[in-house]
Amino acid sequence: MGYRGKKVRERLMKDENIRSFDVLPDGKMLAALAIFLHDTTKVWNVQNPDKPIAEFRKPSDYWWERYEVFAPTGEYLAAGGNDGSVYVWNLQQPDHPTLLTGHTDHIYSLAFSPDGKRLVTGSVDNSARLWDVELGEHITILPMDEHHGSIKVLFSPCGNLIAGGMNNEIRLWCAEKLTTLRIIPQPEDSKRILALAFSPCGNYLASGTWWEKGMQKMAIRLWDVATGENIHTFWGQNSDVQSLAFSPNGNMLASGSFDGTILVWDVDACLRKEPYNLRF
């Protein structure tokens, strides 16, 4: 598939400073806007962008740099701050957030389980924690052997696995037994993981790397979840790979980079052991 003259079809909320944007599994699109001066997050359904459907504010005067994520069900919004605090808002009750305490440093990533009932968080404090969203309670600290710095976390599509990307390795935990299932060591040329994404079928995991001095291209690796094998490595991004997302059928993988570029990769071709095509 080559270039098709792709262009912007429609502009939504063009006068707003959008910090993050999500498309939920049911196709309902939500956009979140963080207004730093007022420490406020507004949420829109972009199919009706004239008025926010909810507005959230951290119950503190402390300036709060945060990372935000929606639950796949569209029921909750979670945000983690640079002080280690995690707040969970029910979109129907935005005035009463639940505070989750335990982390002691900047929250690096958050991810809901597919059913929205659990939340996994990764922090610069070298820990990944699992929470019960409905009860607002801490479940456990996921097992790790040593300090790994910032931790990128996410659930698999069916919710049976939790993946953690960190310095030197990717770790897979059993989401039910909360035990380590597999450790995937990372190559010397790309030790630090910045982005992770499961394929829709859950059989594959993509990882994107952080730029380090001397690196010309960033690696985007495709892993077999069952074996830990590196099936294929895509090279093309010139700076940190900050986000990854599979197409709904799993045939394509999009990568977003710090330099503002988005590349789309032909996963289906590399799984068939054919030369992959970079799609524009």
C-alpha atoms as a PDB file:
ATOM      1  CA  MET A   1       0.000   0.000   0.000  1.00  0.00           C
ATOM      2  CA  GLY A   2       1.649   3.228  -1.071  1.00  0.00           C
ATOM      3  CA  TYR A   3       1.011   6.896  -0.643  1.00  0.00           C
ATOM      4  CA  ARG A   4      -2.640   7.826  -1.163  1.00  0.00           C
ATOM      5  CA  GLY A   5      -2.544  11.572  -0.719  1.00  0.00           C
ATOM      6  CA  LYS A   6      -3.591  11.389   2.913  1.00  0.00           C
ATOM      7  CA  LYS A   7      -4.831  14.657   4.365  1.00  0.00           C
ATOM      8  CA  VAL A   8      -6.715  16.046   7.333  1.00  0.00           C
ATOM      9  CA  ARG A   9     -10.386  15.170   7.010  1.00  0.00           C
ATOM     10  CA  GLU A  10     -11.696  17.292   9.867  1.00  0.00           C
ATOM     11  CA  ARG A  11     -10.348  19.550  12.603  1.00  0.00           C
ATOM     12  CA  LEU A  12     -11.776  19.209  16.103  1.00  0.00           C
ATOM     13  CA  MET A  13     -11.203  21.541  19.050  1.00  0.00           C
ATOM     14  CA  LYS A  14      -8.617  23.407  17.006  1.00  0.00           C
ATOM     15  CA  ASP A  15      -8.282  26.203  19.573  1.00  0.00           C
ATOM     16  CA  GLU A  16      -7.541  23.837  22.470  1.00  0.00           C
ATOM     17  CA  ASN A  17      -4.215  22.534  23.751  1.00  0.00           C
ATOM     18  CA  ILE A  18      -4.776  18.761  23.652  1.00  0.00           C
ATOM     19  CA  ARG A  19      -2.342  16.850  25.840  1.00  0.00           C
ATOM     20  CA  SER A  20      -3.680  13.347  25.208  1.00  0.00           C
ATOM     21  CA  PHE A  21      -6.235  11.635  22.981  1.00  0.00           C
ATOM     22  CA  ASP A  22      -7.867   8.211  23.202  1.00  0.00           C
ATOM     23  CA  VAL A  23     -10.147   6.096  21.037  1.00  0.00           C
ATOM     24  CA  LEU A  24     -11.990   3.575  23.190  1.00  0.00           C
ATOM     25  CA  PRO A  25     -12.555  -0.043  22.061  1.00  0.00           C
ATOM     26  CA  ASP A  26     -16.240   0.616  21.324  1.00  0.00           C
ATOM     27  CA  GLY A  27     -15.250   3.361  18.875  1.00  0.00           C
ATOM     28  CA  LYS A  28     -16.240   6.232  21.140  1.00  0.00           C
ATOM     29  CA  MET A  29     -13.488   8.810  21.017  1.00  0.00           C
ATOM     30  CA  LEU A  30     -12.430  10.827  24.033  1.00  0.00           C
ATOM     31  CA  ALA A  31      -9.920  13.648  24.258  1.00  0.00           C
ATOM     32  CA  ALA A  32      -8.300  14.896  27.448  1.00  0.00           C
ATOM     33  CA  LEU A  33      -6.950  18.406  27.851  1.00  0.00           C
ATOM     34  CA  ALA A  34      -4.587  19.395  30.647  1.00  0.00           C
ATOM     35  CA  ILE A  35      -4.554  23.109  31.494  1.00  0.00           C
ATOM     36  CA  PHE A  36      -1.323  23.499  33.409  1.00  0.00           C
ATOM     37  CA  LEU A  37      -1.888  26.981  34.819  1.00  0.00           C
ATOM     38  CA  HIS A  38      -5.098  25.841  36.482  1.00  0.00           C
ATOM     39  CA  ASP A  39      -4.109  22.218  37.056  1.00  0.00           C
ATOM     40  CA  THR A  40      -7.307  21.102  35.338  1.00  0.00           C
ATOM     41  CA  THR A  41      -8.147  18.302  32.944  1.00  0.00           C
ATOM     42  CA  LYS A  42     -11.179  18.525  30.676  1.00  0.00           C
ATOM     43  CA  VAL A  43     -12.654  15.590  28.778  1.00  0.00           C
ATOM     44  CA  TRP A  44     -14.590  15.715  25.516  1.00  0.00           C
ATOM     45  CA  ASN A  45     -16.412  13.252  23.370  1.00  0.00           C
ATOM     46  CA  VAL A  46     -14.988  14.522  20.092  1.00  0.00           C
ATOM     47  CA  GLN A  47     -18.123  13.469  18.236  1.00  0.00           C
ATOM     48  CA  ASN A  48     -19.736  16.384  20.099  1.00  0.00           C
ATOM     49  CA  PRO A  49     -16.838  18.739  20.840  1.00  0.00           C
ATOM     50  CA  ASP A  50     -18.808  21.854  21.751  1.00  0.00           C
ATOM     51  CA  LYS A  51     -18.895  21.131  25.483  1.00  0.00           C
ATOM     52  CA  PRO A  52     -16.716  18.991  27.811  1.00  0.00           C
ATOM     53  CA  ILE A  53     -18.461  15.961  29.301  1.00  0.00           C
ATOM     54  CA  ALA A  54     -16.375  16.157  32.484  1.00  0.00           C
ATOM     55  CA  GLU A  55     -13.775  18.304  34.215  1.00  0.00           C
ATOM     56  CA  PHE A  56     -11.243  17.160  36.786  1.00  0.00           C
ATOM     57  CA  ARG A  57      -9.023  19.060  39.177  1.00  0.00           C
ATOM     58  CA  LYS A  58      -6.501  17.643  41.620  1.00  0.00           C
ATOM     59  CA  PRO A  59      -7.656  18.552  45.166  1.00  0.00           C
ATOM     60  CA  SER A  60      -4.443  20.405  46.006  1.00  0.00           C
ATOM     61  CA  ASP A  61      -2.738  23.710  45.249  1.00  0.00           C
ATOM     62  CA  TYR A  62       0.516  21.898  44.441  1.00  0.00           C
ATOM     63  CA  TRP A  63       1.474  22.197  40.755  1.00  0.00           C
ATOM     64  CA  TRP A  64       1.139  18.734  39.306  1.00  0.00           C
ATOM     65  CA  GLU A  65       2.806  17.330  36.228  1.00  0.00           C
ATOM     66  CA  ARG A  66       0.824  14.223  35.331  1.00  0.00           C
ATOM     67  CA  TYR A  67       0.297  11.284  33.032  1.00  0.00           C
ATOM     68  CA  GLU A  68      -3.313  10.375  32.213  1.00  0.00           C
ATOM     69  CA  VAL A  69      -5.127   7.335  30.828  1.00  0.00           C
ATOM     70  CA  PHE A  70      -8.756   6.342  30.218  1.00  0.00           C
ATOM     71  CA  ALA A  71     -10.220   2.983  31.187  1.00  0.00           C
ATOM     72  CA  PRO A  72     -11.185   0.946  28.082  1.00  0.00           C
ATOM     73  CA  THR A  73     -14.773   0.966  29.355  1.00  0.00           C
ATOM     74  CA  GLY A  74     -14.824   4.772  29.310  1.00  0.00           C
ATOM     75  CA  GLU A  75     -15.901   4.830  32.946  1.00  0.00           C
ATOM     76  CA  TYR A  76     -12.716   6.076  34.617  1.00  0.00           C
ATOM     77  CA  LEU A  77      -9.809   8.434  34.094  1.00  0.00           C
ATOM     78  CA  ALA A  78      -6.598   7.867  36.041  1.00  0.00           C
ATOM     79  CA  ALA A  79      -3.759  10.356  36.456  1.00  0.00           C
ATOM     80  CA  GLY A  80      -0.381   9.949  38.094  1.00  0.00           C
ATOM     81  CA  GLY A  81       1.700  12.847  39.329  1.00  0.00           C
ATOM     82  CA  ASN A  82       5.332  13.740  39.818  1.00  0.00           C
ATOM     83  CA  ASP A  83       4.916  13.316  43.581  1.00  0.00           C
ATOM     84  CA  GLY A  84       3.903   9.638  43.272  1.00  0.00           C
ATOM     85  CA  SER A  85       0.200  10.216  43.850  1.00  0.00           C
ATOM     86  CA  VAL A  86      -2.401   8.518  41.653  1.00  0.00           C
ATOM     87  CA  TYR A  87      -5.956   9.813  41.312  1.00  0.00           C
ATOM     88  CA  VAL A  88      -8.857   7.937  39.743  1.00  0.00           C
ATOM     89  CA  TRP A  89     -11.981   9.804  38.663  1.00  0.00           C
ATOM     90  CA  ASN A  90     -15.326   8.299  37.742  1.00  0.00           C
ATOM     91  CA  LEU A  91     -16.488  10.336  34.744  1.00  0.00           C
ATOM     92  CA  GLN A  92     -19.987  10.361  36.242  1.00  0.00           C
ATOM     93  CA  GLN A  93     -18.723  11.736  39.582  1.00  0.00           C
ATOM     94  CA  PRO A  94     -15.800  14.055  38.765  1.00  0.00           C
ATOM     95  CA  ASP A  95     -15.939  15.873  42.119  1.00  0.00           C
ATOM     96  CA  HIS A  96     -14.948  12.830  44.176  1.00  0.00           C
ATOM     97  CA  PRO A  97     -11.631  11.336  42.996  1.00  0.00           C
ATOM     98  CA  THR A  98     -10.061   8.317  44.655  1.00  0.00           C
ATOM     99  CA  LEU A  99      -6.474   8.828  45.837  1.00  0.00           C
ATOM    100  CA  LEU A 100      -4.159   5.809  45.546  1.00  0.00           C
ATOM    101  CA  THR A 101      -1.040   6.122  47.679  1.00  0.00           C
ATOM    102  CA  GLY A 102       2.096   3.996  47.775  1.00  0.00           C
ATOM    103  CA  HIS A 103       4.470   5.290  45.116  1.00  0.00           C
ATOM    104  CA  THR A 104       7.120   7.740  46.275  1.00  0.00           C
ATOM    105  CA  ASP A 105       8.269   9.278  42.992  1.00  0.00           C
ATOM    106  CA  HIS A 106       7.099  10.342  39.536  1.00  0.00           C
ATOM    107  CA  ILE A 107       4.449   8.095  37.942  1.00  0.00           C
ATOM    108  CA  TYR A 108       5.887   6.999  34.614  1.00  0.00           C
ATOM    109  CA  SER A 109       2.925   5.048  33.227  1.00  0.00           C
ATOM    110  CA  LEU A 110      -0.559   3.771  34.036  1.00  0.00           C
ATOM    111  CA  ALA A 111      -2.773   1.154  32.375  1.00  0.00           C
ATOM    112  CA  PHE A 112      -6.240  -0.199  33.098  1.00  0.00           C
ATOM    113  CA  SER A 113      -7.194  -3.838  32.728  1.00  0.00           C
ATOM    114  CA  PRO A 114      -9.574  -4.494  29.776  1.00  0.00           C
ATOM    115  CA  ASP A 115     -12.581  -4.604  32.127  1.00  0.00           C
ATOM    116  CA  GLY A 116     -11.506  -1.357  33.845  1.00  0.00           C
ATOM    117  CA  LYS A 117     -11.518  -2.931  37.304  1.00  0.00           C
ATOM    118  CA  ARG A 118      -7.777  -2.904  37.934  1.00  0.00           C
ATOM    119  CA  LEU A 119      -5.018  -0.381  37.365  1.00  0.00           C
ATOM    120  CA  VAL A 120      -1.296  -1.037  37.038  1.00  0.00           C
ATOM    121  CA  THR A 121       1.176   1.799  37.625  1.00  0.00           C
ATOM    122  CA  GLY A 122       4.902   2.136  36.956  1.00  0.00           C
ATOM    123  CA  SER A 123       7.036   4.684  38.774  1.00  0.00           C
ATOM    124  CA  VAL A 124      10.520   6.154  38.860  1.00  0.00           C
ATOM    125  CA  ASP A 125      10.680   4.730  42.401  1.00  0.00           C
ATOM    126  CA  ASN A 126      11.610   1.377  40.792  1.00  0.00           C
ATOM    127  CA  SER A 127       8.277  -0.300  41.444  1.00  0.00           C
ATOM    128  CA  ALA A 128       5.161  -1.399  39.567  1.00  0.00           C
ATOM    129  CA  ARG A 129       1.954  -1.620  41.606  1.00  0.00           C
ATOM    130  CA  LEU A 130      -1.462  -3.150  41.005  1.00  0.00           C
ATOM    131  CA  TRP A 131      -4.667  -1.518  42.316  1.00  0.00           C
ATOM    132  CA  ASP A 132      -8.332  -2.428  42.715  1.00  0.00           C
ATOM    133  CA  VAL A 133     -10.102   0.508  41.050  1.00  0.00           C
ATOM    134  CA  GLU A 134     -13.594  -0.147  42.407  1.00  0.00           C
ATOM    135  CA  LEU A 135     -12.405  -0.510  46.020  1.00  0.00           C
ATOM    136  CA  GLY A 136      -9.640   2.068  45.719  1.00  0.00           C
ATOM    137  CA  GLU A 137      -7.190  -0.364  47.340  1.00  0.00           C
ATOM    138  CA  HIS A 138      -3.626  -1.477  46.720  1.00  0.00           C
ATOM    139  CA  ILE A 139      -3.320  -5.143  45.662  1.00  0.00           C
ATOM    140  CA  THR A 140       0.411  -5.788  45.383  1.00  0.00           C
ATOM    141  CA  ILE A 141       3.837  -4.669  44.214  1.00  0.00           C
ATOM    142  CA  LEU A 142       4.737  -6.728  41.154  1.00  0.00           C
ATOM    143  CA  PRO A 143       7.900  -8.817  41.691  1.00  0.00           C
ATOM    144  CA  MET A 144      11.237  -7.582  40.339  1.00  0.00           C
ATOM    145  CA  ASP A 145      14.763  -8.705  41.105  1.00  0.00           C
ATOM    146  CA  GLU A 146      16.529  -5.351  41.108  1.00  0.00           C
ATOM    147  CA  HIS A 147      16.133  -1.648  40.471  1.00  0.00           C
ATOM    148  CA  HIS A 148      15.145  -0.819  36.918  1.00  0.00           C
ATOM    149  CA  GLY A 149      14.377   2.920  36.887  1.00  0.00           C
ATOM    150  CA  SER A 150      11.310   4.106  34.982  1.00  0.00           C
ATOM    151  CA  ILE A 151       8.821   1.337  34.230  1.00  0.00           C
ATOM    152  CA  LYS A 152       6.381   1.273  31.301  1.00  0.00           C
ATOM    153  CA  VAL A 153       3.396  -1.018  32.072  1.00  0.00           C
ATOM    154  CA  LEU A 154       0.316  -2.350  30.272  1.00  0.00           C
ATOM    155  CA  PHE A 155      -2.228  -5.188  30.307  1.00  0.00           C
ATOM    156  CA  SER A 156      -2.606  -7.704  27.501  1.00  0.00           C
ATOM    157  CA  PRO A 157      -5.881  -7.498  25.493  1.00  0.00           C
ATOM    158  CA  CYS A 158      -7.513 -10.374  27.389  1.00  0.00           C
ATOM    159  CA  GLY A 159      -6.139  -9.163  30.732  1.00  0.00           C
ATOM    160  CA  ASN A 160      -4.218 -12.311  31.636  1.00  0.00           C
ATOM    161  CA  LEU A 161      -0.762 -10.714  31.360  1.00  0.00           C
ATOM    162  CA  ILE A 162       0.921  -7.533  32.523  1.00  0.00           C
ATOM    163  CA  ALA A 163       4.000  -6.351  30.627  1.00  0.00           C
ATOM    164  CA  GLY A 164       6.670  -4.114  32.085  1.00  0.00           C
ATOM    165  CA  GLY A 165       9.291  -2.365  29.978  1.00  0.00           C
ATOM    166  CA  MET A 166      12.311  -1.076  31.873  1.00  0.00           C
ATOM    167  CA  ASN A 167      16.065  -0.702  31.700  1.00  0.00           C
ATOM    168  CA  ASN A 168      17.683  -3.859  30.303  1.00  0.00           C
ATOM    169  CA  GLU A 169      14.569  -6.047  30.115  1.00  0.00           C
ATOM    170  CA  ILE A 170      10.907  -6.634  29.407  1.00  0.00           C
ATOM    171  CA  ARG A 171       9.108  -8.571  32.123  1.00  0.00           C
ATOM    172  CA  LEU A 172       5.815 -10.456  31.787  1.00  0.00           C
ATOM    173  CA  TRP A 173       3.700 -11.090  34.888  1.00  0.00           C
ATOM    174  CA  CYS A 174       0.678 -13.347  35.346  1.00  0.00           C
ATOM    175  CA  ALA A 175      -2.185 -10.957  36.107  1.00  0.00           C
ATOM    176  CA  GLU A 176      -4.006 -13.640  38.146  1.00  0.00           C
ATOM    177  CA  LYS A 177      -1.230 -15.235  40.206  1.00  0.00           C
ATOM    178  CA  LEU A 178       0.895 -12.052  40.176  1.00  0.00           C
ATOM    179  CA  THR A 179       4.069 -14.008  39.477  1.00  0.00           C
ATOM    180  CA  THR A 180       6.811 -13.455  36.908  1.00  0.00           C
ATOM    181  CA  LEU A 181       6.244 -15.573  33.797  1.00  0.00           C
ATOM    182  CA  ARG A 182       9.066 -14.443  31.540  1.00  0.00           C
ATOM    183  CA  ILE A 183      12.021 -12.058  31.445  1.00  0.00           C
ATOM    184  CA  ILE A 184      13.148 -10.859  28.015  1.00  0.00           C
ATOM    185  CA  PRO A 185      16.675  -9.337  28.153  1.00  0.00           C
ATOM    186  CA  GLN A 186      17.234  -6.361  25.868  1.00  0.00           C
ATOM    187  CA  PRO A 187      20.098  -5.975  23.355  1.00  0.00           C
ATOM    188  CA  GLU A 188      23.002  -3.696  24.167  1.00  0.00           C
ATOM    189  CA  ASP A 189      22.002  -1.199  21.452  1.00  0.00           C
ATOM    190  CA  SER A 190      18.568  -0.493  22.984  1.00  0.00           C
ATOM    191  CA  LYS A 191      18.412  -1.167  26.678  1.00  0.00           C
ATOM    192  CA  ARG A 192      15.764   1.334  27.732  1.00  0.00           C
ATOM    193  CA  ILE A 193      12.116   0.709  26.772  1.00  0.00           C
ATOM    194  CA  LEU A 194       9.950   3.773  26.268  1.00  0.00           C
ATOM    195  CA  ALA A 195       6.878   2.299  24.528  1.00  0.00           C
ATOM    196  CA  LEU A 196       5.039  -1.043  24.559  1.00  0.00           C
ATOM    197  CA  ALA A 197       1.989  -2.399  22.744  1.00  0.00           C
ATOM    198  CA  PHE A 198       0.313  -5.808  22.617  1.00  0.00           C
ATOM    199  CA  SER A 199      -1.127  -7.003  19.321  1.00  0.00           C
ATOM    200  CA  PRO A 200      -4.954  -7.406  19.427  1.00  0.00           C
ATOM    201  CA  CYS A 201      -4.576 -11.211  19.519  1.00  0.00           C
ATOM    202  CA  GLY A 202      -2.176 -10.937  22.482  1.00  0.00           C
ATOM    203  CA  ASN A 203       0.414 -13.189  20.836  1.00  0.00           C
ATOM    204  CA  TYR A 204       2.893 -10.427  20.060  1.00  0.00           C
ATOM    205  CA  LEU A 205       4.409  -7.513  21.918  1.00  0.00           C
ATOM    206  CA  ALA A 206       6.039  -4.484  20.278  1.00  0.00           C
ATOM    207  CA  SER A 207       8.656  -2.387  22.075  1.00  0.00           C
ATOM    208  CA  GLY A 208      10.198   0.961  21.188  1.00  0.00           C
ATOM    209  CA  THR A 209      13.504   2.298  22.456  1.00  0.00           C
ATOM    210  CA  TRP A 210      14.908   5.480  23.932  1.00  0.00           C
ATOM    211  CA  TRP A 211      17.578   7.429  22.084  1.00  0.00           C
ATOM    212  CA  GLU A 212      21.090   7.266  23.494  1.00  0.00           C
ATOM    213  CA  LYS A 213      24.261   8.984  22.385  1.00  0.00           C
ATOM    214  CA  GLY A 214      25.657   7.522  19.168  1.00  0.00           C
ATOM    215  CA  MET A 215      22.394   5.930  18.010  1.00  0.00           C
ATOM    216  CA  GLN A 216      21.305   6.771  14.431  1.00  0.00           C
ATOM    217  CA  LYS A 217      18.031   4.819  14.265  1.00  0.00           C
ATOM    218  CA  MET A 218      15.716   3.605  16.988  1.00  0.00           C
ATOM    219  CA  ALA A 219      14.737  -0.064  17.200  1.00  0.00           C
ATOM    220  CA  ILE A 220      11.117  -1.172  17.233  1.00  0.00           C
ATOM    221  CA  ARG A 221      11.124  -4.845  18.106  1.00  0.00           C
ATOM    222  CA  LEU A 222       8.370  -7.419  17.690  1.00  0.00           C
ATOM    223  CA  TRP A 223       8.397 -10.201  20.301  1.00  0.00           C
ATOM    224  CA  ASP A 224       6.655 -13.564  20.498  1.00  0.00           C
ATOM    225  CA  VAL A 225       4.941 -13.456  23.895  1.00  0.00           C
ATOM    226  CA  ALA A 226       4.959 -17.247  24.369  1.00  0.00           C
ATOM    227  CA  THR A 227       8.664 -17.736  23.673  1.00  0.00           C
ATOM    228  CA  GLY A 228      10.264 -14.314  24.161  1.00  0.00           C
ATOM    229  CA  GLU A 229      11.773 -14.556  20.657  1.00  0.00           C
ATOM    230  CA  ASN A 230      12.561 -11.336  18.785  1.00  0.00           C
ATOM    231  CA  ILE A 231      10.637 -12.050  15.572  1.00  0.00           C
ATOM    232  CA  HIS A 232      11.555  -8.884  13.734  1.00  0.00           C
ATOM    233  CA  THR A 233      13.161  -5.476  14.263  1.00  0.00           C
ATOM    234  CA  PHE A 234      11.981  -2.365  12.422  1.00  0.00           C
ATOM    235  CA  TRP A 235      14.436   0.518  11.943  1.00  0.00           C
ATOM    236  CA  GLY A 236      13.333   3.980  10.849  1.00  0.00           C
ATOM    237  CA  GLN A 237      12.601   6.410  13.663  1.00  0.00           C
ATOM    238  CA  ASN A 238      15.337   8.978  14.273  1.00  0.00           C
ATOM    239  CA  SER A 239      14.516   9.757  17.910  1.00  0.00           C
ATOM    240  CA  ASP A 240      12.788   8.272  20.952  1.00  0.00           C
ATOM    241  CA  VAL A 241       9.894   5.959  20.095  1.00  0.00           C
ATOM    242  CA  GLN A 242       7.287   7.340  22.478  1.00  0.00           C
ATOM    243  CA  SER A 243       4.149   5.461  21.431  1.00  0.00           C
ATOM    244  CA  LEU A 244       3.110   2.294  19.617  1.00  0.00           C
ATOM    245  CA  ALA A 245      -0.312   1.069  18.474  1.00  0.00           C
ATOM    246  CA  PHE A 246      -1.505  -1.896  16.427  1.00  0.00           C
ATOM    247  CA  SER A 247      -4.359  -1.686  13.928  1.00  0.00           C
ATOM    248  CA  PRO A 248      -7.535  -3.535  15.055  1.00  0.00           C
ATOM    249  CA  ASN A 249      -6.711  -6.524  12.833  1.00  0.00           C
ATOM    250  CA  GLY A 250      -3.063  -6.548  13.980  1.00  0.00           C
ATOM    251  CA  ASN A 251      -1.685  -6.301  10.447  1.00  0.00           C
ATOM    252  CA  MET A 252      -0.086  -2.891  10.929  1.00  0.00           C
ATOM    253  CA  LEU A 253       1.864  -1.149  13.664  1.00  0.00           C
ATOM    254  CA  ALA A 254       2.104   2.625  14.055  1.00  0.00           C
ATOM    255  CA  SER A 255       5.030   4.227  15.861  1.00  0.00           C
ATOM    256  CA  GLY A 256       5.162   7.809  17.105  1.00  0.00           C
ATOM    257  CA  SER A 257       8.488   9.502  17.722  1.00  0.00           C
ATOM    258  CA  PHE A 258       9.770  12.456  19.756  1.00  0.00           C
ATOM    259  CA  ASP A 259      10.627  14.235  16.500  1.00  0.00           C
ATOM    260  CA  GLY A 260       6.925  14.385  15.576  1.00  0.00           C
ATOM    261  CA  THR A 261       6.939  11.672  12.914  1.00  0.00           C
ATOM    262  CA  ILE A 262       4.537   8.728  12.697  1.00  0.00           C
ATOM    263  CA  LEU A 263       5.543   5.626  10.743  1.00  0.00           C
ATOM    264  CA  VAL A 264       3.284   2.683   9.882  1.00  0.00           C
ATOM    265  CA  TRP A 265       4.821  -0.776   9.559  1.00  0.00           C
ATOM    266  CA  ASP A 266       3.572  -3.894   7.755  1.00  0.00           C
ATOM    267  CA  VAL A 267       3.512  -6.490  10.548  1.00  0.00           C
ATOM    268  CA  ASP A 268       1.677  -9.075   8.488  1.00  0.00           C
ATOM    269  CA  ALA A 269       4.500  -9.227   5.948  1.00  0.00           C
ATOM    270  CA  CYS A 270       7.231  -9.766   8.539  1.00  0.00           C
ATOM    271  CA  LEU A 271       5.201 -12.512  10.244  1.00  0.00           C
ATOM    272  CA  ARG A 272       5.039 -14.245   6.859  1.00  0.00           C
ATOM    273  CA  LYS A 273       8.835 -13.829   6.685  1.00  0.00           C
ATOM    274  CA  GLU A 274       8.486 -11.561   3.668  1.00  0.00           C
ATOM    275  CA  PRO A 275      10.267  -8.200   3.207  1.00  0.00           C
ATOM    276  CA  TYR A 276       8.267  -5.653   5.162  1.00  0.00           C
ATOM    277  CA  ASN A 277       6.940  -2.473   3.586  1.00  0.00           C
ATOM    278  CA  LEU A 278       7.107   0.887   5.254  1.00  0.00           C
ATOM    279  CA  ARG A 279       3.704   2.424   4.656  1.00  0.00           C
ATOM    280  CA  PHE A 280       3.238   6.163   4.290  1.00  0.00           C
END
